[in-house]
Amino acid sequence: MKKLADEIKKPANIILIIALILLVLAFVAINPPAPHDTEIVPATPVGGPDDPDGGTDETIQLPASEIRDYEGEQLSSIDDFRENSIKGPQYVDVDTYRLEVTGLVDSPLSLTYDEVLAYDAYQKVVTLYCVEGWDVKLLWEGILVSDLLADAGVQAGANTVIFHAYDGYTTSFPLEYLTDNPILLAYKLNEIQIPPERGFPFQLVAESKWGYKWIKWVTKIELSDDESYEGFWESRGYSNTADLDEGFFS
């Protein structure tokens, strides 16, 4: 050990050691190590196969944000509902979905989701009142049911409109309720797409009616001459008119 220490103390060897240390310091300065707590991830450009900058062929979708204030009105959240559907939330495949308008019509309709969305869109703040005692005030966006009925051509004998849902639920209304009022078939709540648990692809905005008339997951609108038709809850003792200013039991 003493011999090694003596060798290191020689002037020539000291100069050599200093030179090696400087060389190492210079290399580190040019190639600094990446911090251990930082993961370097290349950015993923958004584009298509024809995008000169490359990128993926799909747009990356970010979560939507609902509005809670509309023209000075405070709105409820789309989460302010109770889940009380007859079979739980339904998940409809939009690629195979069809909205049918059938029964006593001149020209039955079978529309894809996009074909329904191609109709004129309307927005309206409406409060849903549930017989359980809770309510939600939301901005609804959708198409007018009356526009669908006009395209189908209602026959003279029709007096009742029966709505059918994906889960087998049904409810009905007098024809005049839908032709004389701006009743929406909604696809947005608070400016975001209706989620599956709220009725995607479409929920009826049955304003002035109790919540059990606000049918979700609508798949078919049937024109009928059966004024006595009773839907799921109506056949179980609930009022068929379901007007808010009246009791909800028949």
Protein backbone atom coordinates (compact mmCIF):
# COMPACT_ATOMS: atom_id res chain seq x y z
CA MET A 1 0.00 0.00 0.00
CA LYS A 2 2.86 2.40 0.87
CA LYS A 3 4.47 1.76 -2.50
CA LEU A 4 1.17 2.58 -4.30
CA ALA A 5 0.77 5.78 -2.32
CA ASP A 6 4.30 6.83 -3.21
CA GLU A 7 3.61 6.24 -6.88
CA ILE A 8 0.48 8.41 -6.75
CA LYS A 9 2.40 11.25 -5.14
CA LYS A 10 4.87 11.48 -8.05
CA PRO A 11 4.26 14.75 -10.02
CA ALA A 12 3.84 12.99 -13.35
CA ASN A 13 1.26 10.63 -12.00
CA ILE A 14 -0.64 13.47 -10.28
CA ILE A 15 -0.89 15.32 -13.60
CA LEU A 16 -2.19 12.17 -15.29
CA ILE A 17 -4.86 11.62 -12.63
CA ILE A 18 -6.04 15.25 -12.86
CA ALA A 19 -6.28 14.93 -16.65
CA LEU A 20 -8.41 11.79 -16.33
CA ILE A 21 -10.72 13.51 -13.83
CA LEU A 22 -11.19 16.51 -16.16
CA LEU A 23 -11.92 14.18 -19.06
CA VAL A 24 -14.64 12.41 -17.08
CA LEU A 25 -16.21 15.73 -15.98
CA ALA A 26 -16.29 16.96 -19.57
CA PHE A 27 -18.06 13.79 -20.76
CA VAL A 28 -20.72 14.08 -18.06
CA ALA A 29 -21.35 17.74 -18.92
CA ILE A 30 -21.98 16.84 -22.56
CA ASN A 31 -24.19 13.79 -21.78
CA PRO A 32 -26.06 14.49 -18.53
CA PRO A 33 -28.11 11.56 -17.14
CA ALA A 34 -31.93 11.85 -17.24
CA PRO A 35 -33.57 12.42 -13.83
CA HIS A 36 -34.75 9.15 -12.28
CA ASP A 37 -38.26 10.53 -11.55
CA THR A 38 -38.99 11.74 -15.08
CA GLU A 39 -40.31 9.43 -17.77
CA ILE A 40 -39.65 10.70 -21.25
CA VAL A 41 -42.65 9.85 -23.43
CA PRO A 42 -42.80 10.86 -27.10
CA ALA A 43 -45.80 13.04 -27.99
CA THR A 44 -48.49 11.37 -30.07
CA PRO A 45 -49.58 13.66 -32.89
CA VAL A 46 -53.25 13.72 -33.89
CA GLY A 47 -53.88 13.21 -37.57
CA GLY A 48 -54.82 10.76 -40.25
CA PRO A 49 -53.07 8.66 -42.85
CA ASP A 50 -52.99 11.66 -45.16
CA ASP A 51 -51.62 13.99 -42.47
CA PRO A 52 -48.19 15.21 -43.75
CA ASP A 53 -47.02 15.29 -40.13
CA GLY A 54 -47.91 11.63 -39.61
CA GLY A 55 -49.81 10.59 -36.51
CA THR A 56 -52.61 8.24 -35.70
CA ASP A 57 -55.75 7.75 -37.76
CA GLU A 58 -58.10 8.52 -34.84
CA THR A 59 -58.74 11.68 -32.85
CA ILE A 60 -58.06 11.26 -29.15
CA GLN A 61 -61.30 12.01 -27.31
CA LEU A 62 -61.17 13.80 -23.98
CA PRO A 63 -63.94 13.59 -21.36
CA ALA A 64 -66.73 16.11 -21.92
CA SER A 65 -67.68 18.64 -19.26
CA GLU A 66 -71.32 19.41 -18.57
CA ILE A 67 -72.50 22.99 -18.10
CA ARG A 68 -74.17 23.90 -14.80
CA ASP A 69 -75.38 27.40 -15.69
CA TYR A 70 -77.48 28.34 -18.71
CA GLU A 71 -78.55 31.92 -19.38
CA GLY A 72 -78.47 32.66 -15.66
CA GLU A 73 -80.31 29.49 -14.61
CA GLN A 74 -78.56 27.12 -12.22
CA LEU A 75 -78.77 23.56 -13.52
CA SER A 76 -78.65 20.20 -11.81
CA SER A 77 -75.91 17.70 -12.66
CA ILE A 78 -76.45 14.68 -14.86
CA ASP A 79 -75.39 12.70 -11.78
CA ASP A 80 -78.35 13.99 -9.72
CA PHE A 81 -80.62 11.10 -10.70
CA ARG A 82 -81.68 7.99 -8.85
CA GLU A 83 -81.37 4.74 -10.74
CA ASN A 84 -84.86 3.26 -10.79
CA SER A 85 -85.26 1.73 -14.25
CA ILE A 86 -86.95 -1.66 -14.44
CA LYS A 87 -83.85 -3.61 -15.55
CA GLY A 88 -80.98 -1.28 -14.70
CA PRO A 89 -78.90 0.78 -17.17
CA GLN A 90 -79.04 -0.37 -20.78
CA TYR A 91 -76.13 -0.28 -23.21
CA VAL A 92 -77.27 0.17 -26.79
CA ASP A 93 -74.97 -0.56 -29.73
CA VAL A 94 -75.21 2.62 -31.76
CA ASP A 95 -73.88 0.88 -34.88
CA THR A 96 -76.88 -1.44 -35.09
CA TYR A 97 -79.42 0.89 -33.47
CA ARG A 98 -82.57 1.89 -35.35
CA LEU A 99 -85.35 4.22 -34.26
CA GLU A 100 -88.61 2.97 -35.76
CA VAL A 101 -91.77 4.99 -36.30
CA THR A 102 -94.48 2.44 -37.00
CA GLY A 103 -98.17 1.63 -36.67
CA LEU A 104 -100.82 3.88 -38.19
CA VAL A 105 -98.47 5.86 -40.43
CA ASP A 106 -98.24 6.31 -44.18
CA SER A 107 -94.46 5.87 -44.39
CA PRO A 108 -92.84 3.86 -41.58
CA LEU A 109 -89.39 5.07 -40.59
CA SER A 110 -86.30 3.11 -39.56
CA LEU A 111 -83.59 5.64 -38.74
CA THR A 112 -79.98 5.23 -37.71
CA TYR A 113 -78.63 7.27 -34.82
CA ASP A 114 -76.96 9.72 -37.21
CA GLU A 115 -80.12 10.06 -39.30
CA VAL A 116 -82.05 11.10 -36.20
CA LEU A 117 -79.36 13.62 -35.31
CA ALA A 118 -79.69 15.11 -38.81
CA TYR A 119 -83.10 16.57 -37.87
CA ASP A 120 -83.27 20.17 -36.64
CA ALA A 121 -81.97 20.41 -33.06
CA TYR A 122 -83.60 22.33 -30.22
CA GLN A 123 -82.55 23.20 -26.66
CA LYS A 124 -84.77 23.72 -23.65
CA VAL A 125 -84.39 23.86 -19.87
CA VAL A 126 -86.95 21.48 -18.35
CA THR A 127 -87.31 20.03 -14.85
CA LEU A 128 -88.01 16.33 -14.39
CA TYR A 129 -90.12 15.58 -11.31
CA CYS A 130 -90.04 12.04 -9.96
CA VAL A 131 -92.90 10.53 -7.93
CA GLU A 132 -90.22 9.58 -5.36
CA GLY A 133 -89.92 13.25 -4.43
CA TRP A 134 -86.72 14.36 -6.17
CA ASP A 135 -86.25 16.53 -9.24
CA VAL A 136 -83.55 17.68 -11.66
CA LYS A 137 -83.47 20.81 -13.81
CA LEU A 138 -81.37 20.28 -16.92
CA LEU A 139 -80.67 21.70 -20.36
CA TRP A 140 -82.01 19.17 -22.84
CA GLU A 141 -81.09 19.06 -26.51
CA GLY A 142 -82.80 16.96 -29.14
CA ILE A 143 -85.26 16.83 -31.99
CA LEU A 144 -89.00 17.43 -31.98
CA VAL A 145 -91.12 14.29 -31.89
CA SER A 146 -93.62 16.14 -34.07
CA ASP A 147 -91.00 16.33 -36.86
CA LEU A 148 -90.68 12.54 -36.84
CA LEU A 149 -94.46 12.13 -36.91
CA ALA A 150 -94.76 14.58 -39.79
CA ASP A 151 -92.22 12.63 -41.86
CA ALA A 152 -93.98 9.33 -41.13
CA GLY A 153 -97.42 10.73 -41.99
CA VAL A 154 -99.94 10.03 -39.24
CA GLN A 155 -103.07 8.27 -40.47
CA ALA A 156 -106.54 9.59 -39.68
CA GLY A 157 -107.43 6.83 -37.20
CA ALA A 158 -104.44 7.37 -34.92
CA ASN A 159 -105.07 8.96 -31.52
CA THR A 160 -102.37 7.47 -29.26
CA VAL A 161 -98.56 7.34 -29.41
CA ILE A 162 -96.86 4.41 -27.68
CA PHE A 163 -93.13 4.66 -26.89
CA HIS A 164 -91.07 1.48 -26.58
CA ALA A 165 -87.68 1.20 -24.84
CA TYR A 166 -84.72 -1.12 -25.29
CA ASP A 167 -85.45 -2.81 -21.93
CA GLY A 168 -89.10 -3.53 -22.73
CA TYR A 169 -90.52 -0.49 -20.92
CA THR A 170 -93.45 1.30 -22.55
CA THR A 171 -95.57 4.38 -21.97
CA SER A 172 -98.09 6.30 -24.07
CA PHE A 173 -99.53 9.76 -24.74
CA PRO A 174 -102.48 11.26 -26.58
CA LEU A 175 -101.41 12.20 -30.10
CA GLU A 176 -102.26 15.87 -29.48
CA TYR A 177 -99.75 16.11 -26.64
CA LEU A 178 -96.94 15.43 -29.10
CA THR A 179 -98.26 17.36 -32.10
CA ASP A 180 -99.39 20.47 -30.21
CA ASN A 181 -96.34 20.84 -27.92
CA PRO A 182 -92.58 21.11 -28.58
CA ILE A 183 -91.77 17.73 -27.00
CA LEU A 184 -88.13 16.72 -27.38
CA LEU A 185 -86.54 13.37 -28.03
CA ALA A 186 -83.24 14.26 -26.38
CA TYR A 187 -79.71 13.09 -27.06
CA LYS A 188 -77.83 15.63 -24.92
CA LEU A 189 -77.95 16.74 -21.28
CA ASN A 190 -76.22 19.94 -20.21
CA GLU A 191 -74.49 19.97 -23.60
CA ILE A 192 -72.94 16.51 -23.34
CA GLN A 193 -74.12 13.26 -24.89
CA ILE A 194 -76.64 11.43 -22.74
CA PRO A 195 -74.72 8.62 -20.99
CA PRO A 196 -76.06 5.03 -21.10
CA GLU A 197 -77.42 5.16 -17.55
CA ARG A 198 -79.49 8.23 -18.47
CA GLY A 199 -81.02 6.78 -21.63
CA PHE A 200 -78.54 6.82 -24.53
CA PRO A 201 -79.26 7.10 -27.35
CA PHE A 202 -82.56 8.93 -26.73
CA GLN A 203 -84.76 9.95 -23.81
CA LEU A 204 -88.18 11.56 -24.10
CA VAL A 205 -88.50 14.96 -22.41
CA ALA A 206 -92.12 14.59 -21.30
CA GLU A 207 -92.47 18.05 -19.80
CA SER A 208 -95.47 18.69 -17.54
CA LYS A 209 -95.62 14.92 -16.86
CA TRP A 210 -94.33 12.84 -13.95
CA GLY A 211 -90.94 11.18 -14.39
CA TYR A 212 -92.23 7.71 -15.28
CA LYS A 213 -93.40 9.19 -18.58
CA TRP A 214 -89.82 10.27 -19.42
CA ILE A 215 -88.99 7.01 -21.17
CA LYS A 216 -85.30 6.22 -21.74
CA TRP A 217 -83.52 4.12 -24.40
CA VAL A 218 -86.30 4.79 -26.92
CA THR A 219 -86.29 2.32 -29.81
CA LYS A 220 -89.78 2.60 -31.29
CA ILE A 221 -92.59 5.15 -31.60
CA GLU A 222 -95.86 3.43 -32.45
CA LEU A 223 -99.00 5.21 -33.68
CA SER A 224 -102.15 3.51 -32.41
CA ASP A 225 -105.91 3.92 -32.14
CA ASP A 226 -105.99 2.31 -28.66
CA GLU A 227 -106.78 5.18 -26.30
CA SER A 228 -106.93 2.77 -23.36
CA TYR A 229 -103.36 1.51 -23.79
CA GLU A 230 -101.46 1.32 -20.48
CA GLY A 231 -97.68 1.22 -20.22
CA PHE A 232 -95.47 -0.46 -17.63
CA TRP A 233 -96.32 1.68 -14.57
CA GLU A 234 -99.75 2.69 -15.78
CA SER A 235 -100.81 -0.96 -15.83
CA ARG A 236 -99.65 -1.14 -12.22
CA GLY A 237 -101.93 1.61 -10.97
CA TYR A 238 -100.17 4.82 -11.97
CA SER A 239 -102.08 7.57 -13.74
CA ASN A 240 -102.13 7.33 -17.51
CA THR A 241 -102.28 11.10 -17.91
CA ALA A 242 -99.50 11.69 -15.34
CA ASP A 243 -100.07 15.45 -15.25
CA LEU A 244 -97.96 17.23 -12.63
CA ASP A 245 -100.91 19.16 -11.26
CA GLU A 246 -102.71 15.91 -10.49
CA GLY A 247 -101.91 12.88 -8.37
CA PHE A 248 -99.87 10.14 -9.99
CA PHE A 249 -102.13 7.25 -8.94
CA SER A 250 -105.19 6.49 -11.04
